[in-house]
Amino acid sequence: MTSVRLPPAREGLLERRLKGLCILRAIVAGVGLAAFLFSGYRASGFNPFGLAQFHLLLGAALVNFVYFGLLRTTLDRRALIMAQLVIDVLTISGLVFVASPLTPHAYFYFAVVFLAAILIGPRAAMGFAAFSGVLYGSLVFVYYWVSVVVSDPAIVRLPTVLKLRDLMTPEDLEQFSRAEVVPKAILFVGALHVVAWLAGKLAEEISRVRIMNDEILVNMSGGVIAVDRTGGVVFANPQATELLGIREAPSRLVGRPFGDAFPPEVAAVIRRGLQERGRLQQELRVGERPLEISISQLADGRGGGIRGAVAIINDLTLRQQMERVTERAERFRALLEMSAGIAHEIRNPLASIRGAAQELEASALPGEDDRRLMQVVLRESDRLDKIVSEFLEYASDRPVDLALVNVPELLGEVETLLRAREEGKAAIFRLESPPTLVAKCAPDQLKQVFLNLGLNALEACGPGGQVRIRCAPATSPIDPRPGIRIEFEDNGPGIPKEDMNRLFSPFFTTKPRGTGMGLAIARKIVTAHSGTITLDSEPGQGTIARVWIPAS
């Protein structure tokens, strides 16, 4: 059977409680020994019962050294607390036995029950109340039996009975003889259980508040540090140690001066926070990480003294990255606007150049070579005009005019246009689609996307190739809304893997006469429709272009 390992925070809390319990026991036993040496021990006349009290108190003090030694082992801390409290109950019962149930030693039972509730839990408190009540009731019965029930002279003359009778004061004998101790014992045991119940409720409330506070502070995205007025660290959550590059566990920082626990630049800010009134906020860099530290003082009411300070540490890395991204986006937008302006300026003289070339071609030219050169000028002017037009379309921010469109009908028109092209006359087309699938979209723009994908498929598979167009209702992996998936599949040679990541980049093309803007514009249009576009390709197995758009 394997033991369940407690979380580090819980294990550290139990270890601190164990140390506190040992210190408390040592103090109580030391005070008891001192009081016993100055009064009870001398009054006992060195009888065996007096010696027993002395030895029990001495043992309660010395056993703490054993307990501290056990803290260095890997024994379960909860089991150690339970064992110590059981031994404490037995020790108190021994003191009650040798000093009479009517002595103040019996009130130590209440302390054990209270500690069981705080250190372990409500159930443990009730268990120790019952355990202590049984032992105390048994001791009361023994004393009652010795003082009242035993009347046989032979039994009375037994050494132990004689010693117990000698130990009891006349007042004790009188109370036992009148059976006054029995109702008092019952009330005492009942009081133990009442204290156990109240202590359990208090422990539950303390635990609830502590767990809630610990969960809030430990699970905060930022770091939290608390120091007292003397500069000792009271609390530090794991995020604080991570942000400050501290490899030690947060629990190990508690109790240390903040100047030793934290980096010098952070310690300097905390020192200012303890000295200066009001909220202190400062940005600094610890190692390579930019941080923001906000420090607030904790005061004892209005005008009271400073109890300490709390520091909140936030990582500014993400904010600085966002600022850089925003700055780059602004630069890109400015560059895009400037490029659009340049394209407009190029387009105007380009029209003049083409017009002049047409006039020269129509005129009587010296030779056929000049006529061919004019054809080159016209062809390249048209190509440059197409590039400029496509770039302007890509750079424009025109709003999308949406309307209800039957997507299969739109695909039928695209298929007809593809078949009419020269390269489409020898290709095999297959359109697989239900008769009606309605989407809210801009039909002209979506038709442009489908034409572009269809032309890419035709050019990829070549003469005699096969192009399959499929349309079906589907959901997107990143969008739970109902939608429509459109696929263009060809049996061409596929796309090299090194080119897959660049296909949607403007001006990237693998075609000799391509502009490299077709897929970039297609993605821009599909994105404006809240859709997605992807390409799947394997060399030698063809390519599938998939478009998903939300349905109406």
Protein backbone atom coordinates (compact mmCIF):
# COMPACT_ATOMS: atom_id res chain seq x y z
CA MET A 1 0.00 0.00 0.00
CA THR A 2 1.48 3.32 -1.05
CA SER A 3 1.08 6.48 1.00
CA VAL A 4 -0.45 9.56 -0.59
CA ARG A 5 2.04 12.40 -0.82
CA LEU A 6 0.63 15.75 0.27
CA PRO A 7 1.15 18.83 -1.90
CA PRO A 8 4.32 20.80 -1.00
CA ALA A 9 2.33 23.73 0.44
CA ARG A 10 0.25 21.43 2.68
CA GLU A 11 3.34 19.45 3.70
CA GLY A 12 5.14 22.67 4.66
CA LEU A 13 2.11 23.88 6.66
CA LEU A 14 1.98 20.62 8.66
CA GLU A 15 5.72 20.81 9.31
CA ARG A 16 5.37 24.33 10.69
CA ARG A 17 2.50 23.16 12.87
CA LEU A 18 4.58 20.28 14.18
CA LYS A 19 7.39 22.65 15.13
CA GLY A 20 4.93 24.98 16.84
CA LEU A 21 3.39 22.07 18.74
CA CYS A 22 6.82 20.95 19.99
CA ILE A 23 7.70 24.47 21.11
CA LEU A 24 4.35 24.89 22.88
CA ARG A 25 4.72 21.53 24.65
CA ALA A 26 8.24 22.39 25.75
CA ILE A 27 7.08 25.73 27.20
CA VAL A 28 4.12 24.20 29.08
CA ALA A 29 6.26 21.34 30.43
CA GLY A 30 9.00 23.77 31.46
CA VAL A 31 6.53 26.00 33.32
CA GLY A 32 5.03 22.93 34.98
CA LEU A 33 8.45 21.68 36.08
CA ALA A 34 9.33 25.08 37.49
CA ALA A 35 6.06 25.30 39.43
CA PHE A 36 6.40 21.72 40.60
CA LEU A 37 9.97 22.21 41.82
CA PHE A 38 9.03 25.29 43.85
CA SER A 39 5.85 23.89 45.35
CA GLY A 40 4.40 20.50 44.54
CA TYR A 41 7.57 18.45 44.57
CA ARG A 42 8.62 19.58 48.05
CA ALA A 43 5.12 19.25 49.44
CA SER A 44 4.87 15.69 48.15
CA GLY A 45 7.49 14.56 50.63
CA PHE A 46 9.36 12.71 47.92
CA ASN A 47 6.63 10.04 47.70
CA PRO A 48 6.45 7.90 44.55
CA PHE A 49 3.47 9.83 43.21
CA GLY A 50 5.36 13.10 43.55
CA LEU A 51 8.32 11.60 41.75
CA ALA A 52 5.95 10.34 39.05
CA GLN A 53 4.65 13.87 38.42
CA PHE A 54 8.20 15.16 38.17
CA HIS A 55 9.20 12.41 35.74
CA LEU A 56 6.11 12.88 33.58
CA LEU A 57 6.70 16.61 33.24
CA LEU A 58 10.40 16.06 32.58
CA GLY A 59 9.56 13.44 29.97
CA ALA A 60 7.07 15.80 28.29
CA ALA A 61 9.85 18.38 27.99
CA LEU A 62 12.60 16.02 26.79
CA VAL A 63 10.49 14.09 24.29
CA ASN A 64 10.42 17.19 22.08
CA PHE A 65 14.02 16.54 21.12
CA VAL A 66 12.89 13.21 19.70
CA TYR A 67 10.05 14.92 17.86
CA PHE A 68 12.41 17.47 16.33
CA GLY A 69 14.63 14.62 15.18
CA LEU A 70 11.67 12.91 13.52
CA LEU A 71 11.02 16.09 11.51
CA ARG A 72 14.21 15.33 9.58
CA THR A 73 12.74 12.04 8.34
CA THR A 74 10.20 11.46 5.57
CA LEU A 75 7.49 10.22 7.95
CA ASP A 76 3.96 11.44 7.26
CA ARG A 77 3.49 14.77 9.08
CA ARG A 78 -0.19 14.17 9.82
CA ALA A 79 0.64 10.83 11.45
CA LEU A 80 3.35 12.51 13.54
CA ILE A 81 0.88 15.12 14.83
CA MET A 82 -1.63 12.38 15.65
CA ALA A 83 0.99 10.33 17.51
CA GLN A 84 2.21 13.32 19.51
CA LEU A 85 -1.31 14.26 20.60
CA VAL A 86 -2.03 10.66 21.66
CA ILE A 87 1.13 10.65 23.78
CA ASP A 88 0.09 14.02 25.21
CA VAL A 89 -3.30 12.62 26.26
CA LEU A 90 -1.59 9.65 27.92
CA THR A 91 0.84 11.99 29.68
CA ILE A 92 -2.00 14.19 30.96
CA SER A 93 -3.84 11.08 32.11
CA GLY A 94 -0.72 10.03 34.02
CA LEU A 95 -0.53 13.42 35.70
CA VAL A 96 -4.23 13.24 36.57
CA PHE A 97 -3.76 9.74 37.97
CA VAL A 98 -0.89 10.64 40.29
CA ALA A 99 -2.33 14.03 41.29
CA SER A 100 -6.10 13.20 41.54
CA PRO A 101 -8.83 13.97 38.95
CA LEU A 102 -9.71 17.12 40.90
CA THR A 103 -6.36 18.81 40.14
CA PRO A 104 -5.98 21.45 37.38
CA HIS A 105 -3.98 18.94 35.31
CA ALA A 106 -7.27 17.70 33.83
CA TYR A 107 -7.78 21.01 32.02
CA PHE A 108 -4.89 20.14 29.70
CA TYR A 109 -7.35 17.79 27.98
CA PHE A 110 -9.10 20.87 26.58
CA ALA A 111 -5.84 22.10 25.10
CA VAL A 112 -5.26 18.78 23.32
CA VAL A 113 -8.81 18.75 21.93
CA PHE A 114 -8.44 22.34 20.69
CA LEU A 115 -5.05 21.60 19.12
CA ALA A 116 -6.45 18.49 17.42
CA ALA A 117 -9.18 20.62 15.83
CA ILE A 118 -6.75 23.29 14.61
CA LEU A 119 -3.90 21.01 13.55
CA ILE A 120 -5.82 18.06 12.09
CA GLY A 121 -9.54 18.74 11.81
CA PRO A 122 -13.01 18.58 13.43
CA ARG A 123 -13.24 14.77 13.32
CA ALA A 124 -9.90 14.43 15.08
CA ALA A 125 -11.10 16.87 17.76
CA MET A 126 -14.19 14.77 18.48
CA GLY A 127 -12.06 11.63 18.51
CA PHE A 128 -9.61 13.06 21.03
CA ALA A 129 -12.53 14.39 23.11
CA ALA A 130 -13.95 10.86 23.30
CA PHE A 131 -10.50 9.35 24.00
CA SER A 132 -9.78 11.88 26.74
CA GLY A 133 -13.26 11.46 28.20
CA VAL A 134 -12.85 7.68 28.45
CA LEU A 135 -9.48 8.02 30.19
CA TYR A 136 -10.67 10.74 32.52
CA GLY A 137 -13.85 8.83 33.36
CA SER A 138 -11.80 5.71 34.07
CA LEU A 139 -9.54 7.65 36.44
CA VAL A 140 -12.56 9.14 38.24
CA PHE A 141 -14.00 5.64 38.62
CA VAL A 142 -10.70 4.35 40.05
CA TYR A 143 -10.58 7.13 42.64
CA TYR A 144 -14.28 6.72 43.43
CA TRP A 145 -13.78 2.96 43.83
CA VAL A 146 -10.78 3.47 46.11
CA SER A 147 -12.45 6.04 48.33
CA VAL A 148 -16.03 4.74 48.53
CA VAL A 149 -16.63 1.31 47.05
CA VAL A 150 -13.67 -0.45 48.62
CA SER A 151 -14.62 -1.39 52.19
CA ASP A 152 -12.87 -4.73 52.58
CA PRO A 153 -9.98 -4.21 55.00
CA ALA A 154 -7.87 -6.66 53.02
CA ILE A 155 -8.20 -4.60 49.88
CA VAL A 156 -7.75 -1.29 51.71
CA ARG A 157 -4.44 -2.52 53.10
CA LEU A 158 -3.01 -3.06 49.58
CA PRO A 159 -0.01 -0.72 49.04
CA THR A 160 -1.40 0.93 45.90
CA VAL A 161 -4.79 1.58 47.48
CA LEU A 162 -3.16 2.96 50.61
CA LYS A 163 -0.97 5.26 48.52
CA LEU A 164 -3.95 6.53 46.55
CA ARG A 165 -5.94 7.11 49.73
CA ASP A 166 -2.95 8.90 51.28
CA LEU A 167 -2.62 11.04 48.15
CA MET A 168 -6.22 12.26 48.36
CA THR A 169 -6.93 15.30 50.52
CA PRO A 170 -9.76 15.24 53.07
CA GLU A 171 -11.79 17.47 50.75
CA ASP A 172 -11.32 14.95 47.89
CA LEU A 173 -12.35 12.05 50.12
CA GLU A 174 -15.41 13.96 51.27
CA GLN A 175 -16.44 14.82 47.70
CA PHE A 176 -15.91 11.24 46.49
CA SER A 177 -17.76 9.82 49.49
CA ARG A 178 -20.79 11.99 48.67
CA ALA A 179 -20.48 11.02 44.97
CA GLU A 180 -20.20 14.70 43.99
CA VAL A 181 -17.40 13.95 41.57
CA VAL A 182 -19.54 11.76 39.29
CA PRO A 183 -21.83 14.54 37.95
CA LYS A 184 -18.80 16.84 37.74
CA ALA A 185 -16.98 14.20 35.66
CA ILE A 186 -19.98 13.84 33.37
CA LEU A 187 -20.12 17.60 32.92
CA PHE A 188 -16.36 17.66 32.32
CA VAL A 189 -16.59 15.00 29.60
CA GLY A 190 -19.56 16.80 28.05
CA ALA A 191 -17.60 20.05 28.10
CA LEU A 192 -14.75 18.29 26.27
CA HIS A 193 -17.12 17.36 23.44
CA VAL A 194 -18.65 20.84 23.33
CA VAL A 195 -15.18 22.37 23.08
CA ALA A 196 -14.32 19.84 20.38
CA TRP A 197 -17.42 20.81 18.38
CA LEU A 198 -16.81 24.57 18.76
CA ALA A 199 -13.10 24.20 17.97
CA GLY A 200 -13.99 22.10 14.93
CA LYS A 201 -16.31 24.81 13.64
CA LEU A 202 -13.61 27.41 14.23
CA ALA A 203 -11.03 25.24 12.48
CA GLU A 204 -13.35 24.74 9.49
CA GLU A 205 -13.88 28.48 9.16
CA ILE A 206 -10.16 29.19 9.52
CA SER A 207 -9.38 26.49 6.97
CA ARG A 208 -11.99 27.82 4.56
CA VAL A 209 -10.65 31.37 4.79
CA ARG A 210 -7.05 30.20 4.55
CA ILE A 211 -7.70 27.95 1.57
CA MET A 212 -9.64 30.70 -0.19
CA ASN A 213 -6.88 33.24 0.44
CA ASP A 214 -4.16 30.77 -0.50
CA GLU A 215 -5.95 29.81 -3.71
CA ILE A 216 -6.46 33.43 -4.65
CA LEU A 217 -2.88 34.45 -3.92
CA VAL A 218 -1.21 31.30 -5.25
CA ASN A 219 -3.25 31.22 -8.47
CA MET A 220 -2.82 34.89 -9.30
CA SER A 221 -1.14 35.50 -12.64
CA GLY A 222 1.13 38.08 -11.03
CA GLY A 223 3.58 37.72 -8.17
CA VAL A 224 2.60 38.66 -4.61
CA ILE A 225 5.05 39.45 -1.81
CA ALA A 226 4.18 40.53 1.74
CA VAL A 227 6.69 41.83 4.30
CA ASP A 228 6.18 42.96 7.88
CA ARG A 229 7.33 46.20 9.48
CA THR A 230 10.68 44.70 10.43
CA GLY A 231 11.42 43.69 6.83
CA GLY A 232 10.79 39.98 7.24
CA VAL A 233 9.12 38.10 4.41
CA VAL A 234 5.62 37.00 5.43
CA PHE A 235 4.37 35.57 2.13
CA ALA A 236 5.51 34.95 -1.43
CA ASN A 237 3.59 33.04 -4.08
CA PRO A 238 5.23 30.80 -6.72
CA GLN A 239 4.69 33.38 -9.48
CA ALA A 240 6.80 35.89 -7.55
CA THR A 241 9.76 33.52 -7.26
CA GLU A 242 9.43 32.59 -10.94
CA LEU A 243 9.30 36.21 -12.12
CA LEU A 244 12.27 37.16 -9.93
CA GLY A 245 14.31 34.12 -11.03
CA ILE A 246 14.47 32.65 -7.50
CA ARG A 247 14.92 28.89 -7.49
CA GLU A 248 14.03 28.40 -3.83
CA ALA A 249 10.52 27.37 -2.80
CA PRO A 250 8.36 30.31 -1.60
CA SER A 251 7.95 28.71 1.85
CA ARG A 252 11.72 28.90 2.38
CA LEU A 253 11.68 32.68 1.94
CA VAL A 254 9.23 33.22 4.82
CA GLY A 255 10.95 34.76 7.85
CA ARG A 256 14.04 35.93 5.97
CA PRO A 257 14.90 39.64 5.52
CA PHE A 258 13.66 40.82 2.14
CA GLY A 259 17.12 42.20 1.35
CA ASP A 260 18.52 38.64 1.48
CA ALA A 261 15.52 36.93 -0.12
CA PHE A 262 15.06 39.06 -3.26
CA PRO A 263 17.32 40.62 -5.93
CA PRO A 264 18.89 43.98 -4.96
CA GLU A 265 16.82 46.06 -7.40
CA VAL A 266 13.58 44.56 -6.08
CA ALA A 267 14.70 44.92 -2.45
CA ALA A 268 15.41 48.61 -3.06
CA VAL A 269 11.84 49.18 -4.29
CA ILE A 270 10.37 47.31 -1.31
CA ARG A 271 12.52 49.39 1.06
CA ARG A 272 11.14 52.58 -0.52
CA GLY A 273 7.63 51.18 -0.23
CA LEU A 274 8.08 50.67 3.52
CA GLN A 275 9.47 54.17 4.01
CA GLU A 276 7.25 56.29 1.73
CA ARG A 277 3.55 56.88 2.29
CA GLY A 278 1.10 56.11 -0.48
CA ARG A 279 1.23 53.69 -3.37
CA LEU A 280 4.57 53.18 -5.11
CA GLN A 281 4.74 51.91 -8.69
CA GLN A 282 7.95 51.34 -10.61
CA GLU A 283 9.13 49.51 -13.71
CA LEU A 284 12.46 47.73 -13.66
CA ARG A 285 14.30 44.86 -15.27
CA VAL A 286 15.37 41.71 -13.41
CA GLY A 287 17.75 39.82 -15.63
CA GLU A 288 16.21 39.88 -19.11
CA ARG A 289 12.61 40.21 -17.87
CA PRO A 290 10.86 43.61 -17.64
CA LEU A 291 8.69 43.88 -14.51
CA GLU A 292 6.29 46.33 -12.91
CA ILE A 293 6.16 46.43 -9.09
CA SER A 294 3.32 48.10 -7.21
CA ILE A 295 3.72 48.44 -3.43
CA SER A 296 1.02 49.34 -0.93
CA GLN A 297 1.55 49.85 2.79
CA LEU A 298 -0.53 48.06 5.44
CA ALA A 299 -1.47 50.32 8.35
CA ASP A 300 -3.18 49.76 11.71
CA GLY A 301 -6.34 51.75 11.00
CA ARG A 302 -6.42 55.48 10.38
CA GLY A 303 -3.24 57.14 11.48
CA GLY A 304 -1.90 53.87 12.86
CA GLY A 305 1.58 52.52 12.47
CA ILE A 306 2.80 50.60 9.45
CA ARG A 307 2.26 46.84 9.78
CA GLY A 308 4.08 46.01 6.58
CA ALA A 309 3.70 46.22 2.81
CA VAL A 310 2.37 44.14 -0.08
CA ALA A 311 4.12 44.10 -3.46
CA ILE A 312 2.34 43.05 -6.67
CA ILE A 313 4.69 42.02 -9.48
CA ASN A 314 3.52 41.93 -13.11
CA ASP A 315 5.43 40.67 -16.14
CA LEU A 316 5.66 43.37 -18.82
CA THR A 317 7.06 41.04 -21.49
CA LEU A 318 3.68 40.45 -23.13
CA ARG A 319 2.80 44.15 -23.00
CA GLN A 320 6.06 45.13 -24.65
CA GLN A 321 5.57 42.44 -27.29
CA MET A 322 2.07 43.77 -27.98
CA GLU A 323 3.46 47.30 -28.27
CA ARG A 324 6.07 46.08 -30.77
CA VAL A 325 3.40 44.18 -32.73
CA THR A 326 1.17 47.27 -32.76
CA GLU A 327 4.08 49.40 -33.90
CA ARG A 328 4.90 46.97 -36.70
CA ALA A 329 1.22 46.84 -37.70
CA GLU A 330 1.12 50.63 -37.91
CA ARG A 331 4.27 50.64 -40.01
CA PHE A 332 2.81 47.95 -42.25
CA ARG A 333 -0.42 49.88 -42.66
CA ALA A 334 1.52 53.02 -43.56
CA LEU A 335 3.62 51.02 -46.02
CA LEU A 336 0.49 49.47 -47.52
CA GLU A 337 -1.13 52.88 -47.99
CA MET A 338 2.05 54.22 -49.56
CA SER A 339 2.26 51.18 -51.85
CA ALA A 340 -1.35 51.65 -52.92
CA GLY A 341 -0.59 55.27 -53.72
CA ILE A 342 2.44 54.26 -55.78
CA ALA A 343 0.37 51.65 -57.63
CA HIS A 344 -2.20 54.30 -58.54
CA GLU A 345 0.56 56.56 -59.79
CA ILE A 346 2.03 53.73 -61.88
CA ARG A 347 -1.35 52.84 -63.36
CA ASN A 348 -1.96 56.28 -64.91
CA PRO A 349 1.25 56.53 -67.00
CA LEU A 350 0.93 52.83 -67.80
CA ALA A 351 -2.33 53.53 -69.59
CA SER A 352 -0.60 56.28 -71.58
CA ILE A 353 2.26 53.94 -72.51
CA ARG A 354 -0.17 51.30 -73.74
CA GLY A 355 -2.13 53.82 -75.73
CA ALA A 356 1.04 55.11 -77.38
CA ALA A 357 2.13 51.56 -78.20
CA GLN A 358 -1.24 50.85 -79.84
CA GLU A 359 -0.92 53.98 -81.98
CA LEU A 360 2.58 53.00 -83.05
CA GLU A 361 1.42 49.47 -83.89
CA ALA A 362 -1.39 50.82 -86.08
CA SER A 363 0.94 53.21 -87.92
CA ALA A 364 3.26 52.35 -90.79
CA LEU A 365 6.36 51.01 -89.07
CA PRO A 366 9.71 50.47 -90.78
CA GLY A 367 9.78 46.71 -90.21
CA GLU A 368 8.24 43.60 -88.76
CA ASP A 369 10.72 43.53 -85.83
CA ASP A 370 9.40 46.85 -84.58
CA ARG A 371 5.85 45.52 -84.81
CA ARG A 372 6.84 42.51 -82.66
CA LEU A 373 8.44 44.83 -80.12
CA MET A 374 5.18 46.77 -79.92
CA GLN A 375 3.36 43.51 -79.22
CA VAL A 376 5.79 42.84 -76.35
CA VAL A 377 5.16 46.32 -74.96
CA LEU A 378 1.39 45.84 -75.14
CA ARG A 379 1.52 42.36 -73.58
CA GLU A 380 3.78 43.39 -70.74
CA SER A 381 1.75 46.54 -70.16
CA ASP A 382 -1.37 44.39 -69.77
CA ARG A 383 0.48 42.10 -67.40
CA LEU A 384 1.73 45.01 -65.31
CA ASP A 385 -1.76 46.50 -65.24
CA LYS A 386 -3.13 43.19 -63.99
CA ILE A 387 -0.53 43.08 -61.21
CA VAL A 388 -1.33 46.63 -60.16
CA SER A 389 -5.09 45.95 -60.25
CA GLU A 390 -4.76 42.82 -58.16
CA PHE A 391 -2.52 44.55 -55.65
CA LEU A 392 -5.00 47.42 -55.29
CA GLU A 393 -7.78 44.91 -54.75
CA TYR A 394 -5.69 43.14 -52.11
CA ALA A 395 -4.85 46.41 -50.34
CA SER A 396 -8.39 47.81 -50.40
CA ASP A 397 -10.60 47.80 -47.29
CA ARG A 398 -13.94 47.80 -49.04
CA PRO A 399 -16.83 46.53 -46.91
CA VAL A 400 -18.35 43.21 -47.97
CA ASP A 401 -21.92 43.48 -49.28
CA LEU A 402 -23.56 40.26 -48.13
CA ALA A 403 -26.59 38.57 -49.67
CA LEU A 404 -28.19 35.14 -49.56
CA VAL A 405 -26.56 33.01 -52.24
CA ASN A 406 -27.12 29.41 -53.35
CA VAL A 407 -23.51 28.18 -53.35
CA PRO A 408 -24.06 25.10 -55.63
CA GLU A 409 -25.61 27.39 -58.27
CA LEU A 410 -22.59 29.68 -58.03
CA LEU A 411 -20.27 26.68 -58.43
CA GLY A 412 -22.23 25.63 -61.53
CA GLU A 413 -21.51 29.00 -63.12
CA VAL A 414 -17.82 28.64 -62.21
CA GLU A 415 -17.72 25.18 -63.80
CA THR A 416 -19.24 26.55 -67.03
CA LEU A 417 -16.63 29.31 -67.18
CA LEU A 418 -13.80 26.85 -66.58
CA ARG A 419 -15.05 24.50 -69.32
CA ALA A 420 -15.15 27.42 -71.77
CA ARG A 421 -11.47 28.21 -71.33
CA GLU A 422 -8.96 26.75 -73.75
CA GLU A 423 -7.21 24.63 -71.11
CA GLY A 424 -10.57 23.49 -69.75
CA LYS A 425 -11.85 22.00 -73.01
CA ALA A 426 -9.66 18.90 -72.65
CA ALA A 427 -10.13 18.51 -68.88
CA ILE A 428 -12.63 16.27 -67.08
CA PHE A 429 -14.90 18.05 -64.57
CA ARG A 430 -17.04 16.50 -61.84
CA LEU A 431 -19.31 18.65 -59.69
CA GLU A 432 -20.61 16.88 -56.57
CA SER A 433 -23.08 19.00 -54.65
CA PRO A 434 -26.64 19.01 -53.29
CA PRO A 435 -29.04 21.25 -55.22
CA THR A 436 -29.32 23.88 -52.49
CA LEU A 437 -26.91 25.18 -49.83
CA VAL A 438 -27.47 28.80 -48.89
CA ALA A 439 -24.82 31.08 -47.45
CA LYS A 440 -24.75 34.80 -46.71
CA CYS A 441 -21.89 36.13 -48.80
CA ALA A 442 -20.77 38.53 -51.52
CA PRO A 443 -21.43 36.47 -54.69
CA ASP A 444 -19.01 38.32 -57.00
CA GLN A 445 -16.13 38.06 -54.53
CA LEU A 446 -16.84 34.41 -53.71
CA LYS A 447 -17.09 33.66 -57.45
CA GLN A 448 -13.65 35.24 -57.87
CA VAL A 449 -12.25 32.89 -55.20
CA PHE A 450 -13.77 29.81 -56.88
CA LEU A 451 -12.53 30.86 -60.32
CA ASN A 452 -9.03 31.36 -58.98
CA LEU A 453 -8.97 27.93 -57.32
CA GLY A 454 -10.46 26.29 -60.42
CA LEU A 455 -7.88 27.90 -62.73
CA ASN A 456 -5.07 26.79 -60.41
CA ALA A 457 -6.42 23.22 -60.54
CA LEU A 458 -6.70 23.31 -64.37
CA GLU A 459 -3.14 24.64 -64.81
CA ALA A 460 -1.80 22.09 -62.30
CA CYS A 461 -3.27 18.96 -63.92
CA GLY A 462 -2.78 20.10 -67.55
CA PRO A 463 -4.54 18.74 -70.67
CA GLY A 464 -6.56 15.60 -69.97
CA GLY A 465 -6.47 16.18 -66.23
CA GLN A 466 -9.33 15.75 -63.80
CA VAL A 467 -10.84 18.45 -61.59
CA ARG A 468 -13.41 17.50 -58.95
CA ILE A 469 -15.51 20.19 -57.29
CA ARG A 470 -17.31 19.13 -54.10
CA CYS A 471 -19.71 21.08 -51.92
CA ALA A 472 -21.28 19.82 -48.69
CA PRO A 473 -22.50 21.08 -45.30
CA ALA A 474 -19.79 20.89 -42.66
CA THR A 475 -18.48 22.47 -39.48
CA SER A 476 -15.04 23.98 -39.07
CA PRO A 477 -12.58 22.58 -36.48
CA ILE A 478 -12.23 26.11 -35.06
CA ASP A 479 -15.85 27.29 -35.49
CA PRO A 480 -18.87 25.42 -34.09
CA ARG A 481 -21.33 27.21 -36.37
CA PRO A 482 -22.93 25.29 -39.26
CA GLY A 483 -21.20 26.01 -42.53
CA ILE A 484 -20.40 24.91 -46.07
CA ARG A 485 -17.19 23.26 -47.26
CA ILE A 486 -16.12 23.65 -50.90
CA GLU A 487 -13.24 21.59 -52.32
CA PHE A 488 -11.30 21.84 -55.61
CA GLU A 489 -9.26 18.67 -56.18
CA ASP A 490 -6.88 18.03 -59.07
CA ASN A 491 -4.69 15.08 -60.07
CA GLY A 492 -1.67 17.21 -60.88
CA PRO A 493 1.93 16.78 -59.66
CA GLY A 494 1.26 18.42 -56.30
CA ILE A 495 3.09 21.23 -54.54
CA PRO A 496 6.62 20.89 -53.12
CA LYS A 497 6.66 20.93 -49.33
CA GLU A 498 9.12 23.82 -49.21
CA ASP A 499 6.56 26.02 -51.00
CA MET A 500 3.51 25.17 -48.86
CA ASN A 501 4.12 27.85 -46.22
CA ARG A 502 4.51 30.62 -48.83
CA LEU A 503 1.51 29.95 -51.09
CA PHE A 504 -0.70 32.67 -49.57
CA SER A 505 2.07 35.31 -49.51
CA PRO A 506 1.58 38.21 -51.93
CA PHE A 507 3.69 38.03 -55.13
CA PHE A 508 4.82 34.43 -54.50
CA THR A 509 4.13 32.23 -57.52
CA THR A 510 5.44 29.06 -59.14
CA LYS A 511 3.90 29.88 -62.55
CA PRO A 512 6.04 31.45 -65.30
CA ARG A 513 3.44 34.15 -66.04
CA GLY A 514 1.74 34.28 -62.62
CA THR A 515 1.39 37.43 -60.53
CA GLY A 516 1.39 35.70 -57.13
CA MET A 517 -1.70 37.59 -55.94
CA GLY A 518 -4.48 35.09 -56.65
CA LEU A 519 -4.31 33.02 -53.44
CA ALA A 520 -3.51 36.07 -51.32
CA ILE A 521 -6.68 37.79 -52.59
CA ALA A 522 -8.67 34.55 -52.15
CA ARG A 523 -7.64 34.26 -48.51
CA LYS A 524 -8.46 37.93 -47.91
CA ILE A 525 -11.96 37.45 -49.35
CA VAL A 526 -12.63 34.21 -47.43
CA THR A 527 -11.37 35.76 -44.18
CA ALA A 528 -13.70 38.72 -44.73
CA HIS A 529 -16.55 36.15 -44.86
CA SER A 530 -15.41 34.71 -41.46
CA GLY A 531 -14.26 31.58 -43.26
CA THR A 532 -11.04 29.62 -43.74
CA ILE A 533 -9.05 28.45 -46.75
CA THR A 534 -6.42 25.70 -46.72
CA LEU A 535 -4.35 23.70 -49.20
CA ASP A 536 -3.43 20.02 -48.80
CA SER A 537 -0.96 18.57 -51.25
CA GLU A 538 1.32 15.59 -51.62
CA PRO A 539 3.97 15.53 -54.37
CA GLY A 540 2.76 13.23 -57.17
CA GLN A 541 -0.77 12.91 -55.72
CA GLY A 542 -2.41 16.21 -56.57
CA THR A 543 -3.76 19.08 -54.50
CA ILE A 544 -7.00 19.80 -52.61
CA ALA A 545 -8.02 23.40 -51.94
CA ARG A 546 -10.65 23.67 -49.19
CA VAL A 547 -12.83 26.68 -48.44
CA TRP A 548 -15.16 26.83 -45.44
CA ILE A 549 -17.69 29.60 -44.98
CA PRO A 550 -20.47 29.89 -42.39
CA ALA A 551 -23.97 29.11 -43.61
CA SER A 552 -26.74 31.68 -43.38
